[in-house]
Amino acid sequence: MSRVIENVIEWIDGDKYATCTFSSGKFANNVLKLAEKYPDDVKILAKNRDKSVLAKVPLNAVHVSIYKRKNNNIEAINNKE
């Protein structure tokens, strides 16, 4: 059976904190580093054997963004034409 990689961020309107569950290593490691840097704000509630993490983070730390990467080589070629 393959491992399910589930990442969840949830909060109730009006709360100051969000509850996060991260199975993805990138996000789990990020929240662990934030907990070290901001121990009064980020609380690790559980570290699981599968390396997933359950944490509380300030709601102002939650961002949703879209990043579009540009291929510089293609832009350079197009600009030469």
Protein backbone atom coordinates (compact mmCIF):
# COMPACT_ATOMS: atom_id res chain seq x y z
CA MET A 1 0.00 0.00 0.00
CA SER A 2 1.38 3.40 -0.90
CA ARG A 3 1.67 6.18 1.64
CA VAL A 4 -1.00 8.88 1.53
CA ILE A 5 0.53 12.35 1.57
CA GLU A 6 -2.15 14.64 2.95
CA ASN A 7 -1.70 18.29 3.89
CA VAL A 8 -4.46 20.20 5.66
CA ILE A 9 -4.81 23.77 6.95
CA GLU A 10 -8.01 24.65 8.77
CA TRP A 11 -9.33 27.41 10.98
CA ILE A 12 -12.56 28.89 12.26
CA ASP A 13 -13.35 32.47 11.28
CA GLY A 14 -12.48 34.76 14.14
CA ASP A 15 -9.70 32.52 15.50
CA LYS A 16 -6.13 33.75 15.59
CA TYR A 17 -4.59 30.32 14.94
CA ALA A 18 -4.87 27.67 12.24
CA THR A 19 -4.39 23.94 12.79
CA CYS A 20 -2.08 22.35 10.21
CA THR A 21 -1.32 18.75 9.36
CA PHE A 22 1.56 18.19 6.97
CA SER A 23 2.63 14.82 5.58
CA SER A 24 4.69 16.36 2.79
CA GLY A 25 8.30 16.66 3.92
CA LYS A 26 8.72 20.16 2.49
CA PHE A 27 5.87 21.62 4.53
CA ALA A 28 6.52 19.52 7.64
CA ASN A 29 10.15 20.66 7.74
CA ASN A 30 9.11 24.26 7.16
CA VAL A 31 6.68 24.29 10.10
CA LEU A 32 9.29 22.61 12.33
CA LYS A 33 11.79 25.36 11.47
CA LEU A 34 9.15 28.02 12.16
CA ALA A 35 8.50 26.43 15.58
CA GLU A 36 12.21 26.71 16.40
CA LYS A 37 12.38 30.32 15.25
CA TYR A 38 9.05 31.42 16.79
CA PRO A 39 8.41 29.10 19.76
CA ASP A 40 5.84 31.44 21.32
CA ASP A 41 3.76 31.51 18.12
CA VAL A 42 4.11 28.11 16.43
CA LYS A 43 3.23 25.05 18.51
CA ILE A 44 4.03 21.51 17.41
CA LEU A 45 1.22 19.34 18.77
CA ALA A 46 2.46 16.01 17.37
CA LYS A 47 5.35 14.52 15.40
CA ASN A 48 4.35 11.17 13.97
CA ARG A 49 6.47 8.13 13.09
CA ASP A 50 5.75 8.74 9.40
CA LYS A 51 7.35 12.20 9.83
CA SER A 52 4.02 14.03 9.48
CA VAL A 53 3.44 17.00 11.79
CA LEU A 54 0.40 18.49 13.52
CA ALA A 55 0.86 22.14 14.48
CA LYS A 56 -0.89 25.36 15.45
CA VAL A 57 0.30 28.45 13.57
CA PRO A 58 -0.82 32.07 13.66
CA LEU A 59 -3.47 32.68 11.04
CA ASN A 60 -1.42 35.54 9.60
CA ALA A 61 1.24 32.94 8.67
CA VAL A 62 -1.16 31.22 6.23
CA HIS A 63 -0.82 32.44 2.63
CA VAL A 64 -2.21 31.18 -0.64
CA SER A 65 -0.35 32.37 -3.72
CA ILE A 66 0.22 31.42 -7.33
CA TYR A 67 3.78 31.62 -8.58
CA LYS A 68 4.49 31.44 -12.28
CA ARG A 69 8.05 30.64 -13.23
CA LYS A 70 9.49 32.16 -16.35
CA ASN A 71 11.98 30.31 -18.46
CA ASN A 72 14.76 32.87 -18.98
CA ASN A 73 16.16 30.99 -21.95
CA ILE A 74 12.89 31.13 -23.85
CA GLU A 75 12.48 34.82 -23.02
CA ALA A 76 16.01 35.54 -24.21
CA ILE A 77 15.39 33.72 -27.50
CA ASN A 78 12.07 35.53 -28.02
CA ASN A 79 13.67 38.90 -27.32
CA LYS A 80 16.34 38.31 -29.99
CA GLU A 81 13.76 37.84 -32.74
